[in-house]
Protein backbone atom coordinates (compact mmCIF):
# COMPACT_ATOMS: atom_id res chain seq x y z
CA MET A 1 94.59 137.46 88.79
CA THR A 2 92.45 134.33 88.53
CA GLY A 3 94.05 131.08 87.41
CA ARG A 4 92.72 128.50 84.98
CA PHE A 5 91.47 125.02 85.72
CA VAL A 6 92.10 122.19 83.23
CA THR A 7 91.05 118.59 83.79
CA PHE A 8 92.45 115.47 82.14
CA GLU A 9 89.88 112.70 81.69
CA GLY A 10 89.66 109.26 80.13
CA SER A 11 89.19 105.58 80.79
CA GLU A 12 91.77 103.11 82.08
CA GLY A 13 95.10 103.12 80.23
CA CYS A 14 94.35 106.25 78.21
CA GLY A 15 97.70 107.86 79.08
CA LYS A 16 96.34 110.96 80.79
CA THR A 17 98.61 110.64 83.84
CA THR A 18 101.72 110.58 81.64
CA GLN A 19 100.42 113.54 79.66
CA ILE A 20 99.60 115.65 82.69
CA ARG A 21 103.17 115.23 83.95
CA LEU A 22 104.63 116.15 80.57
CA ALA A 23 102.36 119.18 80.28
CA ALA A 24 103.19 120.41 83.78
CA ALA A 25 106.92 120.11 83.10
CA SER A 26 106.61 121.94 79.78
CA LEU A 27 104.61 124.79 81.29
CA ALA A 28 106.98 125.14 84.24
CA GLU A 29 109.95 125.39 81.87
CA ARG A 30 108.23 128.36 80.23
CA GLY A 31 107.82 130.07 83.59
CA ILE A 32 104.06 129.55 83.78
CA PRO A 33 102.77 129.00 87.35
CA VAL A 34 101.35 125.48 87.18
CA PHE A 35 100.13 122.99 89.76
CA GLU A 36 99.54 119.29 89.09
CA THR A 37 97.01 117.39 91.18
CA ALA A 38 94.73 114.35 91.00
CA GLU A 39 91.45 112.86 92.16
CA PRO A 40 90.81 111.11 94.38
CA GLY A 41 93.73 112.57 96.30
CA GLY A 42 95.40 115.94 96.46
CA THR A 43 94.92 116.31 100.22
CA PRO A 44 95.70 114.11 103.25
CA LEU A 45 92.02 113.18 103.49
CA GLY A 46 91.80 112.60 99.75
CA ARG A 47 94.78 110.26 99.77
CA ARG A 48 93.23 108.17 102.54
CA ILE A 49 89.98 107.95 100.59
CA ARG A 50 91.94 107.07 97.44
CA GLU A 51 93.51 104.10 99.19
CA ILE A 52 90.07 102.83 100.21
CA LEU A 53 88.58 103.33 96.75
CA LEU A 54 91.35 101.91 94.58
CA ASN A 55 92.76 99.11 96.74
CA ARG A 56 91.11 95.85 95.73
CA GLY A 57 91.97 94.20 99.02
CA SER A 58 90.71 96.89 101.38
CA CYS A 59 86.98 96.14 101.61
CA THR A 60 83.82 95.66 99.60
CA ILE A 61 82.35 99.00 98.52
CA GLY A 62 78.81 99.43 97.23
CA ALA A 63 78.12 101.76 94.32
CA GLU A 64 76.39 104.35 96.49
CA ALA A 65 79.17 104.41 99.07
CA GLU A 66 81.73 104.64 96.27
CA LEU A 67 79.96 107.69 94.84
CA LEU A 68 79.85 109.47 98.20
CA LEU A 69 83.51 108.74 98.94
CA PHE A 70 84.54 110.34 95.65
CA ALA A 71 82.36 113.34 96.49
CA ALA A 72 83.94 113.70 99.94
CA ALA A 73 87.44 113.60 98.48
CA ARG A 74 86.49 116.21 95.87
CA ALA A 75 84.92 118.59 98.37
CA GLN A 76 88.09 118.66 100.46
CA HIS A 77 90.29 118.92 97.37
CA VAL A 78 88.42 121.92 95.97
CA ARG A 79 88.26 123.81 99.26
CA GLU A 80 91.79 123.07 100.48
CA ILE A 81 93.82 123.02 97.26
CA ILE A 82 92.11 124.07 94.04
CA LEU A 83 90.29 127.29 94.96
CA PRO A 84 93.27 128.82 96.84
CA ALA A 85 95.57 128.01 93.91
CA LEU A 86 93.17 129.56 91.42
CA LYS A 87 93.01 132.75 93.49
CA GLU A 88 96.81 132.94 93.26
CA GLY A 89 96.65 132.85 89.46
CA THR A 90 97.92 129.30 89.06
CA LEU A 91 97.15 127.08 86.08
CA ILE A 92 95.85 123.85 87.62
CA LEU A 93 96.10 120.53 85.79
CA CYS A 94 93.89 117.94 87.48
CA ASP A 95 93.96 114.20 86.77
CA ARG A 96 90.19 113.46 86.83
CA PHE A 97 87.40 115.59 88.27
CA ALA A 98 83.60 115.57 88.33
CA ASP A 99 83.20 114.22 84.79
CA ALA A 100 84.84 110.99 85.95
CA THR A 101 82.07 110.54 88.51
CA VAL A 102 79.39 110.88 85.83
CA ALA A 103 81.24 108.44 83.56
CA TYR A 104 82.18 105.82 86.17
CA GLN A 105 79.40 105.95 88.74
CA GLY A 106 76.68 107.18 86.38
CA PHE A 107 77.25 105.38 83.09
CA GLY A 108 79.43 102.62 84.53
CA ARG A 109 77.54 101.76 87.73
CA GLY A 110 74.13 102.90 86.55
CA LEU A 111 73.48 105.37 89.38
CA ASP A 112 71.05 108.24 88.82
CA ALA A 113 72.69 110.83 86.56
CA ASP A 114 70.62 113.78 87.81
CA PHE A 115 71.54 113.06 91.42
CA ILE A 116 75.21 112.73 90.48
CA ARG A 117 75.18 116.12 88.79
CA ILE A 118 73.63 117.73 91.88
CA LEU A 119 76.16 116.01 94.12
CA ASN A 120 79.02 117.04 91.83
CA ALA A 121 77.98 120.68 91.92
CA PHE A 122 77.74 120.57 95.72
CA SER A 123 81.04 118.77 96.30
CA ALA A 124 82.90 120.95 93.78
CA LEU A 125 81.43 124.14 95.27
CA SER A 126 79.97 124.75 91.77
CA LEU A 127 83.47 124.90 90.25
CA LYS A 128 83.71 123.75 86.62
CA PRO A 129 86.85 123.31 84.52
CA ASP A 130 87.80 125.94 81.97
CA MET A 131 88.86 123.11 79.67
CA THR A 132 88.67 119.32 79.77
CA LEU A 133 91.02 117.16 77.72
CA LEU A 134 89.44 113.77 77.02
CA PHE A 135 91.89 111.06 76.01
CA ASP A 136 89.81 108.60 74.02
CA LEU A 137 90.92 105.17 72.80
CA PRO A 138 89.40 101.70 72.27
CA VAL A 139 88.66 99.88 75.50
CA ALA A 140 90.77 96.85 74.56
CA THR A 141 93.80 99.06 73.92
CA GLY A 142 93.43 100.87 77.22
CA LEU A 143 93.00 97.73 79.29
CA ALA A 144 96.00 96.10 77.63
CA ARG A 145 98.10 99.14 78.52
CA ALA A 146 96.84 99.10 82.11
CA GLN A 147 97.68 95.41 82.50
CA LYS A 148 101.16 95.94 81.06
CA ARG A 149 101.72 98.83 83.44
CA ALA A 150 100.62 96.76 86.43
CA ALA A 151 102.90 93.90 85.39
CA GLY A 152 105.86 96.19 86.11
CA GLY A 153 105.28 95.56 89.80
CA GLN A 154 105.54 99.18 90.93
CA PRO A 155 103.24 99.95 93.90
CA GLU A 156 102.00 103.19 92.36
CA THR A 157 101.02 101.35 89.17
CA ALA A 158 99.31 98.35 90.74
CA GLU A 159 96.03 97.42 89.13
CA ASP A 160 93.12 99.04 90.95
CA ARG A 161 89.53 97.92 91.47
CA PHE A 162 88.24 99.58 88.31
CA GLU A 163 90.68 97.84 86.00
CA HIS A 164 89.21 94.52 87.16
CA GLU A 165 85.66 95.38 86.16
CA ASP A 166 84.21 93.57 83.13
CA TYR A 167 84.64 94.76 79.55
CA ASP A 168 81.09 96.12 79.26
CA PHE A 169 81.67 98.35 82.29
CA HIS A 170 84.58 100.01 80.51
CA GLU A 171 82.60 100.36 77.28
CA ARG A 172 79.89 102.19 79.22
CA ILE A 173 82.50 104.51 80.68
CA ARG A 174 83.89 105.34 77.25
CA LYS A 175 80.37 105.99 75.96
CA GLY A 176 79.71 108.18 78.99
CA TYR A 177 82.76 110.33 78.38
CA LEU A 178 81.94 110.78 74.70
CA THR A 179 78.36 111.69 75.61
CA LEU A 180 79.61 114.34 78.03
CA ALA A 181 81.98 115.72 75.40
CA ALA A 182 79.21 115.93 72.82
CA GLY A 183 77.05 117.84 75.30
CA GLU A 184 79.72 120.46 76.09
CA PRO A 185 81.82 120.90 72.93
CA ASP A 186 83.12 124.31 74.03
CA ARG A 187 84.74 122.83 77.13
CA PHE A 188 85.92 119.44 75.88
CA ARG A 189 88.80 118.67 73.55
CA ILE A 190 88.91 115.03 72.41
CA ILE A 191 92.44 113.71 71.92
CA ASP A 192 93.41 110.40 70.31
CA GLY A 193 94.79 108.52 73.28
CA ALA A 194 95.96 105.64 71.09
CA ALA A 195 98.64 107.78 69.42
CA ASP A 196 102.26 107.74 70.59
CA VAL A 197 103.24 109.76 73.66
CA GLU A 198 104.99 112.58 71.79
CA THR A 199 102.15 113.06 69.31
CA VAL A 200 99.63 113.23 72.14
CA HIS A 201 101.85 115.68 74.04
CA ARG A 202 101.98 118.04 71.06
CA GLU A 203 98.19 117.97 70.84
CA VAL A 204 97.89 118.67 74.57
CA CYS A 205 100.20 121.67 74.21
CA ARG A 206 98.16 122.94 71.26
CA CYS A 207 94.97 122.73 73.30
CA LEU A 208 96.49 124.44 76.34
CA ALA A 209 97.71 127.27 74.12
CA GLU A 210 94.05 128.16 73.55
CA LEU A 211 93.88 129.36 77.15
CA SER A 212 96.46 132.11 76.65
């Protein structure tokens, strides 16, 4: 039996990480084989790359190097974790995937979109999600949430490099995600990320039920 692959996407502060945890717990309670993972990360190599990419104090990273680091993390993630889990019939919930690269490095950084799509296909071994949940909300709302989260002082919620980009950068990312969703309406489900956590969770569950 082949599993299903669902990605959770959205800009900073959209709530996708909270929702992926709630969805995984709900599915597990129903006895559905589910695996929660994230990009960049998911593997020992991916976690090391994540630290480089998201830590503001690590080093200066150019846009091209940033793109290739994300691709390297994804290639290892797909080969080591995602494909084996799919072959076992597992439902995989992934916090960001290739669409994030198009939105952030393509629309956000202004790198060539055609090259990014080729690189994404190569690094993902041509794997595409069965469904992508896009948590959309106004940029100002998302950034305010992200700053509030970081103010809590927890290491895992510390502000990363992307949250410190200028407002226009985040507007371009939101536009990029909505453009991707408009281009693949059969794969994308747009969810109001500004709603309360429980309302969003119910909508996530409704969308995931379409896979059964």
